[in-house]
Amino acid sequence: MSEKMTELTFEKAMEKLEAVVGKLEEGDVPLEEAITMFQEGMKLSKYCHDRLQHVEKQMTQVLSEDGEIKPFTVEEQSK
């Protein structure tokens, strides 16, 4: 992968994942390349899943604290 995962936005990671899935679905990829692409797709899938869980946790905190509506801000996850 040319970009580090931490530099990817969620949207860009989804675009890359969709491209990988599309290529694999075509079925014209040599086995070794397909395995590499599958591994990349799994990494992208995990990254997207983790980002969604992080945002869901933030939303839960925002909505449940004292029952009051508070400003919602997205904090970048640092690794």
PDB file of N, CA and C in Angstrom:
ATOM      1  N   MET A   1       0.851  -1.175   0.000  1.00  0.00           N
ATOM      2  CA  MET A   1       0.000   0.000   0.000  1.00  0.00           C
ATOM      3  C   MET A   1       0.889   1.227   0.000  1.00  0.00           C
ATOM      4  N   SER A   2       0.570   2.177  -0.832  1.00  0.00           N
ATOM      5  CA  SER A   2       1.445   3.333  -0.988  1.00  0.00           C
ATOM      6  C   SER A   2       1.326   4.321   0.174  1.00  0.00           C
ATOM      7  N   GLU A   3       0.147   4.446   0.765  1.00  0.00           N
ATOM      8  CA  GLU A   3      -0.031   5.367   1.886  1.00  0.00           C
ATOM      9  C   GLU A   3      -0.054   4.581   3.189  1.00  0.00           C
ATOM     10  N   LYS A   4       0.417   5.201   4.251  1.00  0.00           N
ATOM     11  CA  LYS A   4       0.290   4.581   5.559  1.00  0.00           C
ATOM     12  C   LYS A   4      -1.174   4.645   5.961  1.00  0.00           C
ATOM     13  N   MET A   5      -1.621   3.649   6.706  1.00  0.00           N
ATOM     14  CA  MET A   5      -3.028   3.599   7.130  1.00  0.00           C
ATOM     15  C   MET A   5      -3.422   4.853   7.915  1.00  0.00           C
ATOM     16  N   THR A   6      -2.513   5.361   8.743  1.00  0.00           N
ATOM     17  CA  THR A   6      -2.864   6.506   9.569  1.00  0.00           C
ATOM     18  C   THR A   6      -3.063   7.771   8.741  1.00  0.00           C
ATOM     19  N   GLU A   7      -2.560   7.779   7.511  1.00  0.00           N
ATOM     20  CA  GLU A   7      -2.715   8.951   6.652  1.00  0.00           C
ATOM     21  C   GLU A   7      -3.997   8.885   5.824  1.00  0.00           C
ATOM     22  N   LEU A   8      -4.675   7.747   5.842  1.00  0.00           N
ATOM     23  CA  LEU A   8      -5.893   7.572   5.054  1.00  0.00           C
ATOM     24  C   LEU A   8      -7.102   8.131   5.774  1.00  0.00           C
ATOM     25  N   THR A   9      -7.963   8.779   5.024  1.00  0.00           N
ATOM     26  CA  THR A   9      -9.261   9.114   5.580  1.00  0.00           C
ATOM     27  C   THR A   9     -10.133   7.878   5.457  1.00  0.00           C
ATOM     28  N   PHE A  10     -11.211   7.855   6.194  1.00  0.00           N
ATOM     29  CA  PHE A  10     -12.140   6.731   6.105  1.00  0.00           C
ATOM     30  C   PHE A  10     -12.635   6.570   4.669  1.00  0.00           C
ATOM     31  N   GLU A  11     -12.985   7.682   4.045  1.00  0.00           N
ATOM     32  CA  GLU A  11     -13.529   7.651   2.686  1.00  0.00           C
ATOM     33  C   GLU A  11     -12.509   7.103   1.689  1.00  0.00           C
ATOM     34  N   LYS A  12     -11.259   7.520   1.821  1.00  0.00           N
ATOM     35  CA  LYS A  12     -10.211   7.046   0.911  1.00  0.00           C
ATOM     36  C   LYS A  12      -9.968   5.549   1.120  1.00  0.00           C
ATOM     37  N   ALA A  13      -9.977   5.111   2.364  1.00  0.00           N
ATOM     38  CA  ALA A  13      -9.802   3.689   2.651  1.00  0.00           C
ATOM     39  C   ALA A  13     -10.942   2.874   2.045  1.00  0.00           C
ATOM     40  N   MET A  14     -12.164   3.386   2.114  1.00  0.00           N
ATOM     41  CA  MET A  14     -13.313   2.689   1.526  1.00  0.00           C
ATOM     42  C   MET A  14     -13.167   2.617   0.009  1.00  0.00           C
ATOM     43  N   GLU A  15     -12.707   3.697  -0.608  1.00  0.00           N
ATOM     44  CA  GLU A  15     -12.496   3.690  -2.062  1.00  0.00           C
ATOM     45  C   GLU A  15     -11.474   2.620  -2.452  1.00  0.00           C
ATOM     46  N   LYS A  16     -10.384   2.554  -1.699  1.00  0.00           N
ATOM     47  CA  LYS A  16      -9.352   1.559  -1.985  1.00  0.00           C
ATOM     48  C   LYS A  16      -9.890   0.149  -1.776  1.00  0.00           C
ATOM     49  N   LEU A  17     -10.665  -0.040  -0.721  1.00  0.00           N
ATOM     50  CA  LEU A  17     -11.249  -1.352  -0.445  1.00  0.00           C
ATOM     51  C   LEU A  17     -12.199  -1.771  -1.565  1.00  0.00           C
ATOM     52  N   GLU A  18     -13.028  -0.846  -2.024  1.00  0.00           N
ATOM     53  CA  GLU A  18     -13.945  -1.141  -3.121  1.00  0.00           C
ATOM     54  C   GLU A  18     -13.183  -1.508  -4.393  1.00  0.00           C
ATOM     55  N   ALA A  19     -12.060  -0.833  -4.637  1.00  0.00           N
ATOM     56  CA  ALA A  19     -11.249  -1.143  -5.814  1.00  0.00           C
ATOM     57  C   ALA A  19     -10.654  -2.554  -5.714  1.00  0.00           C
ATOM     58  N   VAL A  20     -10.173  -2.908  -4.538  1.00  0.00           N
ATOM     59  CA  VAL A  20      -9.612  -4.245  -4.326  1.00  0.00           C
ATOM     60  C   VAL A  20     -10.687  -5.307  -4.536  1.00  0.00           C
ATOM     61  N   VAL A  21     -11.839  -5.098  -3.936  1.00  0.00           N
ATOM     62  CA  VAL A  21     -12.937  -6.063  -4.070  1.00  0.00           C
ATOM     63  C   VAL A  21     -13.352  -6.197  -5.533  1.00  0.00           C
ATOM     64  N   GLY A  22     -13.447  -5.082  -6.227  1.00  0.00           N
ATOM     65  CA  GLY A  22     -13.813  -5.111  -7.641  1.00  0.00           C
ATOM     66  C   GLY A  22     -12.841  -5.926  -8.472  1.00  0.00           C
ATOM     67  N   LYS A  23     -11.552  -5.714  -8.243  1.00  0.00           N
ATOM     68  CA  LYS A  23     -10.526  -6.463  -8.979  1.00  0.00           C
ATOM     69  C   LYS A  23     -10.618  -7.954  -8.684  1.00  0.00           C
ATOM     70  N   LEU A  24     -10.797  -8.288  -7.398  1.00  0.00           N
ATOM     71  CA  LEU A  24     -10.873  -9.696  -7.027  1.00  0.00           C
ATOM     72  C   LEU A  24     -12.129 -10.359  -7.591  1.00  0.00           C
ATOM     73  N   GLU A  25     -13.222  -9.614  -7.648  1.00  0.00           N
ATOM     74  CA  GLU A  25     -14.463 -10.162  -8.196  1.00  0.00           C
ATOM     75  C   GLU A  25     -14.357 -10.434  -9.689  1.00  0.00           C
ATOM     76  N   GLU A  26     -13.532  -9.674 -10.398  1.00  0.00           N
ATOM     77  CA  GLU A  26     -13.334  -9.895 -11.824  1.00  0.00           C
ATOM     78  C   GLU A  26     -12.730 -11.273 -12.076  1.00  0.00           C
ATOM     79  N   GLY A  27     -11.893 -11.723 -11.167  1.00  0.00           N
ATOM     80  CA  GLY A  27     -11.321 -13.058 -11.264  1.00  0.00           C
ATOM     81  C   GLY A  27     -10.159 -13.200 -12.226  1.00  0.00           C
ATOM     82  N   ASP A  28      -9.690 -12.123 -12.799  1.00  0.00           N
ATOM     83  CA  ASP A  28      -8.581 -12.181 -13.758  1.00  0.00           C
ATOM     84  C   ASP A  28      -7.231 -11.889 -13.119  1.00  0.00           C
ATOM     85  N   VAL A  29      -7.119 -12.080 -11.826  1.00  0.00           N
ATOM     86  CA  VAL A  29      -5.897 -11.751 -11.097  1.00  0.00           C
ATOM     87  C   VAL A  29      -5.141 -13.057 -10.799  1.00  0.00           C
ATOM     88  N   PRO A  30      -3.840 -13.108 -11.098  1.00  0.00           N
ATOM     89  CA  PRO A  30      -3.054 -14.298 -10.755  1.00  0.00           C
ATOM     90  C   PRO A  30      -3.123 -14.585  -9.251  1.00  0.00           C
ATOM     91  N   LEU A  31      -3.008 -15.839  -8.896  1.00  0.00           N
ATOM     92  CA  LEU A  31      -3.183 -16.270  -7.507  1.00  0.00           C
ATOM     93  C   LEU A  31      -2.325 -15.492  -6.518  1.00  0.00           C
ATOM     94  N   GLU A  32      -1.047 -15.339  -6.798  1.00  0.00           N
ATOM     95  CA  GLU A  32      -0.158 -14.644  -5.859  1.00  0.00           C
ATOM     96  C   GLU A  32      -0.584 -13.192  -5.663  1.00  0.00           C
ATOM     97  N   GLU A  33      -0.959 -12.550  -6.759  1.00  0.00           N
ATOM     98  CA  GLU A  33      -1.418 -11.160  -6.677  1.00  0.00           C
ATOM     99  C   GLU A  33      -2.749 -11.083  -5.940  1.00  0.00           C
ATOM    100  N   ALA A  34      -3.613 -12.070  -6.170  1.00  0.00           N
ATOM    101  CA  ALA A  34      -4.914 -12.102  -5.499  1.00  0.00           C
ATOM    102  C   ALA A  34      -4.739 -12.229  -3.992  1.00  0.00           C
ATOM    103  N   ILE A  35      -3.782 -13.034  -3.577  1.00  0.00           N
ATOM    104  CA  ILE A  35      -3.523 -13.202  -2.139  1.00  0.00           C
ATOM    105  C   ILE A  35      -3.047 -11.891  -1.534  1.00  0.00           C
ATOM    106  N   THR A  36      -2.130 -11.215  -2.227  1.00  0.00           N
ATOM    107  CA  THR A  36      -1.633  -9.920  -1.748  1.00  0.00           C
ATOM    108  C   THR A  36      -2.766  -8.901  -1.685  1.00  0.00           C
ATOM    109  N   MET A  37      -3.593  -8.880  -2.714  1.00  0.00           N
ATOM    110  CA  MET A  37      -4.722  -7.945  -2.744  1.00  0.00           C
ATOM    111  C   MET A  37      -5.714  -8.260  -1.624  1.00  0.00           C
ATOM    112  N   PHE A  38      -5.958  -9.549  -1.390  1.00  0.00           N
ATOM    113  CA  PHE A  38      -6.861  -9.952  -0.316  1.00  0.00           C
ATOM    114  C   PHE A  38      -6.340  -9.465   1.028  1.00  0.00           C
ATOM    115  N   GLN A  39      -5.033  -9.632   1.269  1.00  0.00           N
ATOM    116  CA  GLN A  39      -4.438  -9.173   2.523  1.00  0.00           C
ATOM    117  C   GLN A  39      -4.584  -7.659   2.672  1.00  0.00           C
ATOM    118  N   GLU A  40      -4.359  -6.933   1.591  1.00  0.00           N
ATOM    119  CA  GLU A  40      -4.526  -5.477   1.624  1.00  0.00           C
ATOM    120  C   GLU A  40      -5.981  -5.122   1.929  1.00  0.00           C
ATOM    121  N   GLY A  41      -6.896  -5.840   1.296  1.00  0.00           N
ATOM    122  CA  GLY A  41      -8.318  -5.609   1.545  1.00  0.00           C
ATOM    123  C   GLY A  41      -8.701  -5.863   2.996  1.00  0.00           C
ATOM    124  N   MET A  42      -8.132  -6.891   3.586  1.00  0.00           N
ATOM    125  CA  MET A  42      -8.421  -7.187   4.992  1.00  0.00           C
ATOM    126  C   MET A  42      -7.904  -6.073   5.908  1.00  0.00           C
ATOM    127  N   LYS A  43      -6.724  -5.550   5.596  1.00  0.00           N
ATOM    128  CA  LYS A  43      -6.172  -4.440   6.391  1.00  0.00           C
ATOM    129  C   LYS A  43      -7.065  -3.201   6.264  1.00  0.00           C
ATOM    130  N   LEU A  44      -7.498  -2.918   5.042  1.00  0.00           N
ATOM    131  CA  LEU A  44      -8.379  -1.767   4.826  1.00  0.00           C
ATOM    132  C   LEU A  44      -9.716  -1.954   5.535  1.00  0.00           C
ATOM    133  N   SER A  45     -10.239  -3.169   5.472  1.00  0.00           N
ATOM    134  CA  SER A  45     -11.506  -3.470   6.135  1.00  0.00           C
ATOM    135  C   SER A  45     -11.393  -3.274   7.647  1.00  0.00           C
ATOM    136  N   LYS A  46     -10.312  -3.755   8.230  1.00  0.00           N
ATOM    137  CA  LYS A  46     -10.101  -3.589   9.672  1.00  0.00           C
ATOM    138  C   LYS A  46      -9.955  -2.119  10.029  1.00  0.00           C
ATOM    139  N   TYR A  47      -9.211  -1.383   9.220  1.00  0.00           N
ATOM    140  CA  TYR A  47      -9.037   0.056   9.468  1.00  0.00           C
ATOM    141  C   TYR A  47     -10.392   0.765   9.469  1.00  0.00           C
ATOM    142  N   CYS A  48     -11.211   0.493   8.450  1.00  0.00           N
ATOM    143  CA  CYS A  48     -12.534   1.131   8.362  1.00  0.00           C
ATOM    144  C   CYS A  48     -13.406   0.729   9.546  1.00  0.00           C
ATOM    145  N   HIS A  49     -13.388  -0.540   9.899  1.00  0.00           N
ATOM    146  CA  HIS A  49     -14.179  -1.022  11.033  1.00  0.00           C
ATOM    147  C   HIS A  49     -13.748  -0.333  12.326  1.00  0.00           C
ATOM    148  N   ASP A  50     -12.446  -0.239  12.541  1.00  0.00           N
ATOM    149  CA  ASP A  50     -11.935   0.410  13.753  1.00  0.00           C
ATOM    150  C   ASP A  50     -12.332   1.884  13.809  1.00  0.00           C
ATOM    151  N   ARG A  51     -12.247   2.570  12.670  1.00  0.00           N
ATOM    152  CA  ARG A  51     -12.639   3.991  12.631  1.00  0.00           C
ATOM    153  C   ARG A  51     -14.124   4.147  12.959  1.00  0.00           C
ATOM    154  N   LEU A  52     -14.960   3.281  12.401  1.00  0.00           N
ATOM    155  CA  LEU A  52     -16.399   3.346  12.679  1.00  0.00           C
ATOM    156  C   LEU A  52     -16.689   3.072  14.153  1.00  0.00           C
ATOM    157  N   GLN A  53     -16.010   2.106  14.739  1.00  0.00           N
ATOM    158  CA  GLN A  53     -16.202   1.832  16.161  1.00  0.00           C
ATOM    159  C   GLN A  53     -15.788   3.024  17.018  1.00  0.00           C
ATOM    160  N   HIS A  54     -14.695   3.663  16.640  1.00  0.00           N
ATOM    161  CA  HIS A  54     -14.216   4.835  17.388  1.00  0.00           C
ATOM    162  C   HIS A  54     -15.261   5.953  17.352  1.00  0.00           C
ATOM    163  N   VAL A  55     -15.802   6.216  16.179  1.00  0.00           N
ATOM    164  CA  VAL A  55     -16.805   7.272  16.038  1.00  0.00           C
ATOM    165  C   VAL A  55     -18.088   6.883  16.767  1.00  0.00           C
ATOM    166  N   GLU A  56     -18.475   5.624  16.695  1.00  0.00           N
ATOM    167  CA  GLU A  56     -19.674   5.167  17.409  1.00  0.00           C
ATOM    168  C   GLU A  56     -19.511   5.367  18.915  1.00  0.00           C
ATOM    169  N   LYS A  57     -18.324   5.071  19.433  1.00  0.00           N
ATOM    170  CA  LYS A  57     -18.061   5.264  20.855  1.00  0.00           C
ATOM    171  C   LYS A  57     -18.178   6.744  21.215  1.00  0.00           C
ATOM    172  N   GLN A  58     -17.624   7.609  20.366  1.00  0.00           N
ATOM    173  CA  GLN A  58     -17.728   9.053  20.612  1.00  0.00           C
ATOM    174  C   GLN A  58     -19.195   9.489  20.609  1.00  0.00           C
ATOM    175  N   MET A  59     -19.959   8.996  19.658  1.00  0.00           N
ATOM    176  CA  MET A  59     -21.379   9.371  19.570  1.00  0.00           C
ATOM    177  C   MET A  59     -22.131   8.929  20.814  1.00  0.00           C
ATOM    178  N   THR A  60     -21.848   7.735  21.292  1.00  0.00           N
ATOM    179  CA  THR A  60     -22.498   7.225  22.492  1.00  0.00           C
ATOM    180  C   THR A  60     -22.186   8.117  23.681  1.00  0.00           C
ATOM    181  N   GLN A  61     -20.945   8.539  23.807  1.00  0.00           N
ATOM    182  CA  GLN A  61     -20.552   9.407  24.915  1.00  0.00           C
ATOM    183  C   GLN A  61     -21.247  10.760  24.810  1.00  0.00           C
ATOM    184  N   VAL A  62     -21.309  11.299  23.617  1.00  0.00           N
ATOM    185  CA  VAL A  62     -21.927  12.608  23.420  1.00  0.00           C
ATOM    186  C   VAL A  62     -23.415  12.543  23.757  1.00  0.00           C
ATOM    187  N   LEU A  63     -24.075  11.490  23.343  1.00  0.00           N
ATOM    188  CA  LEU A  63     -25.519  11.386  23.529  1.00  0.00           C
ATOM    189  C   LEU A  63     -25.925  10.951  24.926  1.00  0.00           C
ATOM    190  N   SER A  64     -25.045  10.291  25.668  1.00  0.00           N
ATOM    191  CA  SER A  64     -25.458   9.747  26.954  1.00  0.00           C
ATOM    192  C   SER A  64     -25.020  10.557  28.168  1.00  0.00           C
ATOM    193  N   GLU A  65     -24.097  11.450  28.038  1.00  0.00           N
ATOM    194  CA  GLU A  65     -23.623  12.231  29.180  1.00  0.00           C
ATOM    195  C   GLU A  65     -24.701  13.198  29.647  1.00  0.00           C
ATOM    196  N   ASP A  66     -25.249  12.980  30.821  1.00  0.00           N
ATOM    197  CA  ASP A  66     -26.234  13.848  31.468  1.00  0.00           C
ATOM    198  C   ASP A  66     -27.487  14.073  30.626  1.00  0.00           C
ATOM    199  N   GLY A  67     -27.667  13.338  29.553  1.00  0.00           N
ATOM    200  CA  GLY A  67     -28.842  13.515  28.712  1.00  0.00           C
ATOM    201  C   GLY A  67     -28.878  14.846  27.983  1.00  0.00           C
ATOM    202  N   GLU A  68     -27.816  15.600  28.043  1.00  0.00           N
ATOM    203  CA  GLU A  68     -27.762  16.895  27.372  1.00  0.00           C
ATOM    204  C   GLU A  68     -27.077  16.757  26.028  1.00  0.00           C
ATOM    205  N   ILE A  69     -27.488  17.576  25.097  1.00  0.00           N
ATOM    206  CA  ILE A  69     -26.836  17.589  23.794  1.00  0.00           C
ATOM    207  C   ILE A  69     -25.567  18.419  23.916  1.00  0.00           C
ATOM    208  N   LYS A  70     -24.466  17.837  23.497  1.00  0.00           N
ATOM    209  CA  LYS A  70     -23.181  18.527  23.578  1.00  0.00           C
ATOM    210  C   LYS A  70     -22.575  18.575  22.181  1.00  0.00           C
ATOM    211  N   PRO A  71     -21.708  19.526  21.930  1.00  0.00           N
ATOM    212  CA  PRO A  71     -21.073  19.596  20.604  1.00  0.00           C
ATOM    213  C   PRO A  71     -20.345  18.300  20.287  1.00  0.00           C
ATOM    214  N   PHE A  72     -20.472  17.867  19.068  1.00  0.00           N
ATOM    215  CA  PHE A  72     -19.814  16.646  18.622  1.00  0.00           C
ATOM    216  C   PHE A  72     -18.551  17.014  17.864  1.00  0.00           C
ATOM    217  N   THR A  73     -17.430  16.455  18.294  1.00  0.00           N
ATOM    218  CA  THR A  73     -16.170  16.661  17.581  1.00  0.00           C
ATOM    219  C   THR A  73     -15.532  15.309  17.334  1.00  0.00           C
ATOM    220  N   VAL A  74     -14.940  15.165  16.197  1.00  0.00           N
ATOM    221  CA  VAL A  74     -14.244  13.929  15.845  1.00  0.00           C
ATOM    222  C   VAL A  74     -12.787  14.103  16.194  1.00  0.00           C
ATOM    223  N   GLU A  75     -12.297  13.244  17.064  1.00  0.00           N
ATOM    224  CA  GLU A  75     -10.903  13.272  17.451  1.00  0.00           C
ATOM    225  C   GLU A  75     -10.159  12.264  16.599  1.00  0.00           C
ATOM    226  N   GLU A  76      -9.044  12.659  16.060  1.00  0.00           N
ATOM    227  CA  GLU A  76      -8.236  11.745  15.278  1.00  0.00           C
ATOM    228  C   GLU A  76      -7.585  10.734  16.216  1.00  0.00           C
ATOM    229  N   GLN A  77      -7.634   9.499  15.825  1.00  0.00           N
ATOM    230  CA  GLN A  77      -7.057   8.430  16.622  1.00  0.00           C
ATOM    231  C   GLN A  77      -5.557   8.395  16.366  1.00  0.00           C
ATOM    232  N   SER A  78      -4.791   8.445  17.432  1.00  0.00           N
ATOM    233  CA  SER A  78      -3.334   8.383  17.268  1.00  0.00           C
ATOM    234  C   SER A  78      -2.846   7.003  17.671  1.00  0.00           C
ATOM    235  N   LYS A  79      -1.865   6.531  16.918  1.00  0.00           N
ATOM    236  CA  LYS A  79      -1.332   5.183  17.193  1.00  0.00           C
ATOM    237  C   LYS A  79       0.106   5.274  17.547  1.00  0.00           C
TER     238      LYS A  79
END
